[in-house]
Amino acid sequence: KKSDRIVISTNGFFTDRIIAMAKRFPNI
């Protein structure tokens, strides 16, 4: 609601959570 573009920096360990995030927010 605030930002034009969002990038998350992660170590990639929580694969299931990352995939779920990408499914809900495909432009992230």
PDB file of all heavy atoms in Angstrom:
ATOM      1  N   LYS A   1       0.836  -1.201   0.000  1.00  0.00           N
ATOM      2  CA  LYS A   1       0.000   0.000   0.000  1.00  0.00           C
ATOM      3  C   LYS A   1       0.876   1.258   0.000  1.00  0.00           C
ATOM      4  O   LYS A   1       0.398   2.356  -0.283  1.00  0.00           O
ATOM      5  CB  LYS A   1      -0.914   0.013   1.219  1.00  0.00           C
ATOM      6  CG  LYS A   1      -1.906  -1.157   1.268  1.00  0.00           C
ATOM      7  CD  LYS A   1      -2.657  -1.180   2.585  1.00  0.00           C
ATOM      8  CE  LYS A   1      -3.540  -2.419   2.710  1.00  0.00           C
ATOM      9  NZ  LYS A   1      -4.189  -2.503   4.054  1.00  0.00           N
ATOM     10  N   LYS A   2       2.158   1.064   0.331  1.00  0.00           N
ATOM     11  CA  LYS A   2       3.089   2.185   0.462  1.00  0.00           C
ATOM     12  C   LYS A   2       4.125   2.243  -0.659  1.00  0.00           C
ATOM     13  O   LYS A   2       4.658   3.303  -0.952  1.00  0.00           O
ATOM     14  CB  LYS A   2       3.862   2.054   1.791  1.00  0.00           C
ATOM     15  CG  LYS A   2       3.006   1.987   3.043  1.00  0.00           C
ATOM     16  CD  LYS A   2       2.636   3.369   3.484  1.00  0.00           C
ATOM     17  CE  LYS A   2       1.869   3.364   4.802  1.00  0.00           C
ATOM     18  NZ  LYS A   2       1.534   4.746   5.200  1.00  0.00           N
ATOM     19  N   SER A   3       4.477   1.070  -1.207  1.00  0.00           N
ATOM     20  CA  SER A   3       5.673   0.976  -2.039  1.00  0.00           C
ATOM     21  C   SER A   3       5.382   0.473  -3.448  1.00  0.00           C
ATOM     22  O   SER A   3       4.549  -0.406  -3.648  1.00  0.00           O
ATOM     23  CB  SER A   3       6.685   0.044  -1.359  1.00  0.00           C
ATOM     24  OG  SER A   3       7.898   0.024  -2.078  1.00  0.00           O
ATOM     25  N   ASP A   4       6.124   1.029  -4.418  1.00  0.00           N
ATOM     26  CA  ASP A   4       5.978   0.605  -5.810  1.00  0.00           C
ATOM     27  C   ASP A   4       6.614  -0.758  -6.059  1.00  0.00           C
ATOM     28  O   ASP A   4       6.139  -1.535  -6.877  1.00  0.00           O
ATOM     29  CB  ASP A   4       6.634   1.632  -6.753  1.00  0.00           C
ATOM     30  CG  ASP A   4       5.992   3.000  -6.641  1.00  0.00           C
ATOM     31  OD1 ASP A   4       4.807   3.070  -6.261  1.00  0.00           O
ATOM     32  OD2 ASP A   4       6.670   4.007  -6.919  1.00  0.00           O
ATOM     33  N   ARG A   5       7.712  -1.017  -5.375  1.00  0.00           N
ATOM     34  CA  ARG A   5       8.439  -2.274  -5.593  1.00  0.00           C
ATOM     35  C   ARG A   5       9.006  -2.776  -4.271  1.00  0.00           C
ATOM     36  O   ARG A   5       9.503  -1.985  -3.466  1.00  0.00           O
ATOM     37  CB  ARG A   5       9.578  -2.047  -6.592  1.00  0.00           C
ATOM     38  CG  ARG A   5      10.397  -3.293  -6.901  1.00  0.00           C
ATOM     39  CD  ARG A   5      11.424  -3.043  -7.992  1.00  0.00           C
ATOM     40  NE  ARG A   5      12.317  -4.184  -8.125  1.00  0.00           N
ATOM     41  CZ  ARG A   5      13.643  -4.118  -8.063  1.00  0.00           C
ATOM     42  NH1 ARG A   5      14.248  -2.944  -7.894  1.00  0.00           N
ATOM     43  NH2 ARG A   5      14.384  -5.204  -8.192  1.00  0.00           N
ATOM     44  N   ILE A   6       8.927  -4.093  -4.051  1.00  0.00           N
ATOM     45  CA  ILE A   6       9.434  -4.707  -2.817  1.00  0.00           C
ATOM     46  C   ILE A   6      10.347  -5.866  -3.169  1.00  0.00           C
ATOM     47  O   ILE A   6      10.023  -6.698  -4.024  1.00  0.00           O
ATOM     48  CB  ILE A   6       8.283  -5.213  -1.919  1.00  0.00           C
ATOM     49  CG1 ILE A   6       7.384  -4.048  -1.478  1.00  0.00           C
ATOM     50  CG2 ILE A   6       8.829  -5.950  -0.698  1.00  0.00           C
ATOM     51  CD1 ILE A   6       6.138  -4.483  -0.718  1.00  0.00           C
ATOM     52  N   VAL A   7      11.506  -5.915  -2.520  1.00  0.00           N
ATOM     53  CA  VAL A   7      12.434  -7.039  -2.660  1.00  0.00           C
ATOM     54  C   VAL A   7      12.760  -7.558  -1.261  1.00  0.00           C
ATOM     55  O   VAL A   7      13.082  -6.772  -0.356  1.00  0.00           O
ATOM     56  CB  VAL A   7      13.735  -6.624  -3.382  1.00  0.00           C
ATOM     57  CG1 VAL A   7      14.764  -7.761  -3.335  1.00  0.00           C
ATOM     58  CG2 VAL A   7      13.447  -6.256  -4.838  1.00  0.00           C
ATOM     59  N   ILE A   8      12.666  -8.873  -1.084  1.00  0.00           N
ATOM     60  CA  ILE A   8      13.007  -9.495   0.197  1.00  0.00           C
ATOM     61  C   ILE A   8      14.373 -10.156   0.088  1.00  0.00           C
ATOM     62  O   ILE A   8      14.623 -10.943  -0.830  1.00  0.00           O
ATOM     63  CB  ILE A   8      11.960 -10.553   0.615  1.00  0.00           C
ATOM     64  CG1 ILE A   8      10.558  -9.946   0.642  1.00  0.00           C
ATOM     65  CG2 ILE A   8      12.318 -11.140   1.984  1.00  0.00           C
ATOM     66  CD1 ILE A   8       9.461 -10.951   0.979  1.00  0.00           C
ATOM     67  N   SER A   9      15.270  -9.834   1.017  1.00  0.00           N
ATOM     68  CA  SER A   9      16.588 -10.475   1.097  1.00  0.00           C
ATOM     69  C   SER A   9      16.507 -11.625   2.096  1.00  0.00           C
ATOM     70  O   SER A   9      16.091 -11.422   3.240  1.00  0.00           O
ATOM     71  CB  SER A   9      17.648  -9.468   1.549  1.00  0.00           C
ATOM     72  OG  SER A   9      17.715  -8.381   0.659  1.00  0.00           O
ATOM     73  N   THR A  10      16.910 -12.824   1.677  1.00  0.00           N
ATOM     74  CA  THR A  10      16.734 -14.013   2.508  1.00  0.00           C
ATOM     75  C   THR A  10      17.881 -14.997   2.292  1.00  0.00           C
ATOM     76  O   THR A  10      18.583 -14.924   1.272  1.00  0.00           O
ATOM     77  CB  THR A  10      15.389 -14.703   2.188  1.00  0.00           C
ATOM     78  OG1 THR A  10      15.319 -15.969   2.833  1.00  0.00           O
ATOM     79  CG2 THR A  10      15.213 -14.928   0.689  1.00  0.00           C
ATOM     80  N   ASN A  11      18.050 -15.918   3.238  1.00  0.00           N
ATOM     81  CA  ASN A  11      19.049 -16.968   3.035  1.00  0.00           C
ATOM     82  C   ASN A  11      18.466 -18.173   2.295  1.00  0.00           C
ATOM     83  O   ASN A  11      19.173 -19.141   2.002  1.00  0.00           O
ATOM     84  CB  ASN A  11      19.697 -17.396   4.358  1.00  0.00           C
ATOM     85  CG  ASN A  11      18.703 -17.932   5.384  1.00  0.00           C
ATOM     86  OD1 ASN A  11      17.759 -18.632   5.044  1.00  0.00           O
ATOM     87  ND2 ASN A  11      18.930 -17.608   6.655  1.00  0.00           N
ATOM     88  N   GLY A  12      17.169 -18.131   1.995  1.00  0.00           N
ATOM     89  CA  GLY A  12      16.552 -19.167   1.171  1.00  0.00           C
ATOM     90  C   GLY A  12      16.221 -20.458   1.890  1.00  0.00           C
ATOM     91  O   GLY A  12      15.795 -21.434   1.264  1.00  0.00           O
ATOM     92  N   PHE A  13      16.391 -20.488   3.219  1.00  0.00           N
ATOM     93  CA  PHE A  13      16.210 -21.722   3.985  1.00  0.00           C
ATOM     94  C   PHE A  13      14.742 -22.152   4.066  1.00  0.00           C
ATOM     95  O   PHE A  13      14.418 -23.327   3.956  1.00  0.00           O
ATOM     96  CB  PHE A  13      16.790 -21.535   5.392  1.00  0.00           C
ATOM     97  CG  PHE A  13      16.801 -22.786   6.224  1.00  0.00           C
ATOM     98  CD1 PHE A  13      17.824 -23.718   6.097  1.00  0.00           C
ATOM     99  CD2 PHE A  13      15.791 -23.039   7.137  1.00  0.00           C
ATOM    100  CE1 PHE A  13      17.843 -24.869   6.860  1.00  0.00           C
ATOM    101  CE2 PHE A  13      15.797 -24.188   7.913  1.00  0.00           C
ATOM    102  CZ  PHE A  13      16.828 -25.110   7.777  1.00  0.00           C
ATOM    103  N   PHE A  14      13.860 -21.169   4.249  1.00  0.00           N
ATOM    104  CA  PHE A  14      12.433 -21.475   4.444  1.00  0.00           C
ATOM    105  C   PHE A  14      11.711 -21.538   3.087  1.00  0.00           C
ATOM    106  O   PHE A  14      10.868 -20.698   2.757  1.00  0.00           O
ATOM    107  CB  PHE A  14      11.792 -20.426   5.357  1.00  0.00           C
ATOM    108  CG  PHE A  14      12.362 -20.420   6.748  1.00  0.00           C
ATOM    109  CD1 PHE A  14      13.353 -19.517   7.105  1.00  0.00           C
ATOM    110  CD2 PHE A  14      11.923 -21.324   7.706  1.00  0.00           C
ATOM    111  CE1 PHE A  14      13.884 -19.508   8.390  1.00  0.00           C
ATOM    112  CE2 PHE A  14      12.452 -21.331   8.990  1.00  0.00           C
ATOM    113  CZ  PHE A  14      13.437 -20.417   9.330  1.00  0.00           C
ATOM    114  N   THR A  15      12.038 -22.569   2.329  1.00  0.00           N
ATOM    115  CA  THR A  15      11.545 -22.690   0.953  1.00  0.00           C
ATOM    116  C   THR A  15      10.023 -22.585   0.875  1.00  0.00           C
ATOM    117  O   THR A  15       9.483 -21.837   0.047  1.00  0.00           O
ATOM    118  CB  THR A  15      12.014 -24.020   0.333  1.00  0.00           C
ATOM    119  OG1 THR A  15      13.443 -24.073   0.401  1.00  0.00           O
ATOM    120  CG2 THR A  15      11.569 -24.133  -1.116  1.00  0.00           C
ATOM    121  N   ASP A  16       9.311 -23.334   1.704  1.00  0.00           N
ATOM    122  CA  ASP A  16       7.842 -23.355   1.649  1.00  0.00           C
ATOM    123  C   ASP A  16       7.253 -21.961   1.858  1.00  0.00           C
ATOM    124  O   ASP A  16       6.299 -21.567   1.182  1.00  0.00           O
ATOM    125  CB  ASP A  16       7.272 -24.321   2.693  1.00  0.00           C
ATOM    126  CG  ASP A  16       7.616 -25.774   2.385  1.00  0.00           C
ATOM    127  OD1 ASP A  16       8.059 -26.039   1.247  1.00  0.00           O
ATOM    128  OD2 ASP A  16       7.453 -26.634   3.272  1.00  0.00           O
ATOM    129  N   ARG A  17       7.824 -21.222   2.806  1.00  0.00           N
ATOM    130  CA  ARG A  17       7.317 -19.873   3.088  1.00  0.00           C
ATOM    131  C   ARG A  17       7.613 -18.919   1.927  1.00  0.00           C
ATOM    132  O   ARG A  17       6.805 -18.040   1.605  1.00  0.00           O
ATOM    133  CB  ARG A  17       7.948 -19.335   4.385  1.00  0.00           C
ATOM    134  CG  ARG A  17       7.636 -20.186   5.603  1.00  0.00           C
ATOM    135  CD  ARG A  17       8.200 -19.573   6.874  1.00  0.00           C
ATOM    136  NE  ARG A  17       8.128 -20.527   7.980  1.00  0.00           N
ATOM    137  CZ  ARG A  17       8.409 -20.244   9.242  1.00  0.00           C
ATOM    138  NH1 ARG A  17       8.785 -19.015   9.573  1.00  0.00           N
ATOM    139  NH2 ARG A  17       8.332 -21.167  10.180  1.00  0.00           N
ATOM    140  N   ILE A  18       8.795 -19.083   1.319  1.00  0.00           N
ATOM    141  CA  ILE A  18       9.177 -18.222   0.193  1.00  0.00           C
ATOM    142  C   ILE A  18       8.260 -18.487  -1.006  1.00  0.00           C
ATOM    143  O   ILE A  18       7.772 -17.549  -1.655  1.00  0.00           O
ATOM    144  CB  ILE A  18      10.659 -18.442  -0.179  1.00  0.00           C
ATOM    145  CG1 ILE A  18      11.564 -18.010   0.990  1.00  0.00           C
ATOM    146  CG2 ILE A  18      11.026 -17.675  -1.443  1.00  0.00           C
ATOM    147  CD1 ILE A  18      13.014 -18.432   0.859  1.00  0.00           C
ATOM    148  N   ILE A  19       8.005 -19.756  -1.283  1.00  0.00           N
ATOM    149  CA  ILE A  19       7.123 -20.122  -2.401  1.00  0.00           C
ATOM    150  C   ILE A  19       5.706 -19.606  -2.155  1.00  0.00           C
ATOM    151  O   ILE A  19       5.054 -19.069  -3.064  1.00  0.00           O
ATOM    152  CB  ILE A  19       7.116 -21.651  -2.623  1.00  0.00           C
ATOM    153  CG1 ILE A  19       8.524 -22.172  -2.961  1.00  0.00           C
ATOM    154  CG2 ILE A  19       6.107 -22.041  -3.699  1.00  0.00           C
ATOM    155  CD1 ILE A  19       9.157 -21.554  -4.184  1.00  0.00           C
ATOM    156  N   ALA A  20       5.231 -19.754  -0.917  1.00  0.00           N
ATOM    157  CA  ALA A  20       3.885 -19.263  -0.569  1.00  0.00           C
ATOM    158  C   ALA A  20       3.804 -17.750  -0.761  1.00  0.00           C
ATOM    159  O   ALA A  20       2.796 -17.229  -1.256  1.00  0.00           O
ATOM    160  CB  ALA A  20       3.543 -19.646   0.870  1.00  0.00           C
ATOM    161  N   MET A  21       4.872 -17.041  -0.382  1.00  0.00           N
ATOM    162  CA  MET A  21       4.920 -15.587  -0.562  1.00  0.00           C
ATOM    163  C   MET A  21       4.844 -15.233  -2.048  1.00  0.00           C
ATOM    164  O   MET A  21       4.097 -14.327  -2.459  1.00  0.00           O
ATOM    165  CB  MET A  21       6.212 -15.032   0.040  1.00  0.00           C
ATOM    166  CG  MET A  21       6.393 -13.534  -0.107  1.00  0.00           C
ATOM    167  SD  MET A  21       5.296 -12.570   0.953  1.00  0.00           S
ATOM    168  CE  MET A  21       6.110 -12.800   2.558  1.00  0.00           C
ATOM    169  N   ALA A  22       5.612 -15.949  -2.853  1.00  0.00           N
ATOM    170  CA  ALA A  22       5.656 -15.672  -4.292  1.00  0.00           C
ATOM    171  C   ALA A  22       4.312 -15.961  -4.964  1.00  0.00           C
ATOM    172  O   ALA A  22       3.909 -15.257  -5.903  1.00  0.00           O
ATOM    173  CB  ALA A  22       6.761 -16.499  -4.942  1.00  0.00           C
ATOM    174  N   LYS A  23       3.615 -16.983  -4.488  1.00  0.00           N
ATOM    175  CA  LYS A  23       2.298 -17.299  -5.058  1.00  0.00           C
ATOM    176  C   LYS A  23       1.290 -16.189  -4.755  1.00  0.00           C
ATOM    177  O   LYS A  23       0.471 -15.835  -5.593  1.00  0.00           O
ATOM    178  CB  LYS A  23       1.796 -18.637  -4.496  1.00  0.00           C
ATOM    179  CG  LYS A  23       2.478 -19.845  -5.126  1.00  0.00           C
ATOM    180  CD  LYS A  23       1.967 -21.144  -4.519  1.00  0.00           C
ATOM    181  CE  LYS A  23       2.635 -22.357  -5.180  1.00  0.00           C
ATOM    182  NZ  LYS A  23       2.226 -23.622  -4.525  1.00  0.00           N
ATOM    183  N   ARG A  24       1.380 -15.649  -3.548  1.00  0.00           N
ATOM    184  CA  ARG A  24       0.431 -14.589  -3.165  1.00  0.00           C
ATOM    185  C   ARG A  24       0.800 -13.246  -3.789  1.00  0.00           C
ATOM    186  O   ARG A  24      -0.084 -12.462  -4.155  1.00  0.00           O
ATOM    187  CB  ARG A  24       0.399 -14.473  -1.634  1.00  0.00           C
ATOM    188  CG  ARG A  24      -0.627 -13.465  -1.152  1.00  0.00           C
ATOM    189  CD  ARG A  24      -0.789 -13.488   0.350  1.00  0.00           C
ATOM    190  NE  ARG A  24      -1.610 -12.380   0.810  1.00  0.00           N
ATOM    191  CZ  ARG A  24      -1.810 -12.071   2.082  1.00  0.00           C
ATOM    192  NH1 ARG A  24      -1.282 -12.823   3.034  1.00  0.00           N
ATOM    193  NH2 ARG A  24      -2.554 -11.035   2.419  1.00  0.00           N
ATOM    194  N   PHE A  25       2.123 -12.990  -3.895  1.00  0.00           N
ATOM    195  CA  PHE A  25       2.583 -11.708  -4.440  1.00  0.00           C
ATOM    196  C   PHE A  25       3.543 -11.988  -5.603  1.00  0.00           C
ATOM    197  O   PHE A  25       4.770 -11.926  -5.441  1.00  0.00           O
ATOM    198  CB  PHE A  25       3.282 -10.885  -3.354  1.00  0.00           C
ATOM    199  CG  PHE A  25       2.444 -10.613  -2.145  1.00  0.00           C
ATOM    200  CD1 PHE A  25       2.618 -11.362  -0.979  1.00  0.00           C
ATOM    201  CD2 PHE A  25       1.469  -9.626  -2.152  1.00  0.00           C
ATOM    202  CE1 PHE A  25       1.852 -11.118   0.149  1.00  0.00           C
ATOM    203  CE2 PHE A  25       0.696  -9.380  -1.025  1.00  0.00           C
ATOM    204  CZ  PHE A  25       0.885 -10.128   0.121  1.00  0.00           C
ATOM    205  N   PRO A  26       3.024 -12.297  -6.784  1.00  0.00           N
ATOM    206  CA  PRO A  26       3.881 -12.709  -7.912  1.00  0.00           C
ATOM    207  C   PRO A  26       4.839 -11.636  -8.421  1.00  0.00           C
ATOM    208  O   PRO A  26       5.799 -11.960  -9.126  1.00  0.00           O
ATOM    209  CB  PRO A  26       2.867 -13.107  -8.998  1.00  0.00           C
ATOM    210  CG  PRO A  26       1.575 -12.473  -8.596  1.00  0.00           C
ATOM    211  CD  PRO A  26       1.589 -12.365  -7.112  1.00  0.00           C
ATOM    212  N   ASN A  27       4.609 -10.374  -8.069  1.00  0.00           N
ATOM    213  CA  ASN A  27       5.510  -9.300  -8.520  1.00  0.00           C
ATOM    214  C   ASN A  27       6.632  -9.002  -7.531  1.00  0.00           C
ATOM    215  O   ASN A  27       7.468  -8.134  -7.789  1.00  0.00           O
ATOM    216  CB  ASN A  27       4.713  -8.021  -8.778  1.00  0.00           C
ATOM    217  CG  ASN A  27       3.788  -8.159  -9.972  1.00  0.00           C
ATOM    218  OD1 ASN A  27       4.141  -8.806 -10.960  1.00  0.00           O
ATOM    219  ND2 ASN A  27       2.604  -7.583  -9.882  1.00  0.00           N
ATOM    220  N   ILE A  28       6.652  -9.708  -6.417  1.00  0.00           N
ATOM    221  CA  ILE A  28       7.658  -9.424  -5.399  1.00  0.00           C
ATOM    222  C   ILE A  28       9.036  -9.870  -5.876  1.00  0.00           C
ATOM    223  O   ILE A  28       9.169 -10.786  -6.689  1.00  0.00           O
ATOM    224  CB  ILE A  28       7.291 -10.109  -4.059  1.00  0.00           C
ATOM    225  CG1 ILE A  28       8.009  -9.407  -2.894  1.00  0.00           C
ATOM    226  CG2 ILE A  28       7.616 -11.614  -4.081  1.00  0.00           C
ATOM    227  CD1 ILE A  28       7.362  -9.616  -1.564  1.00  0.00           C
TER     228      ILE A  28
END
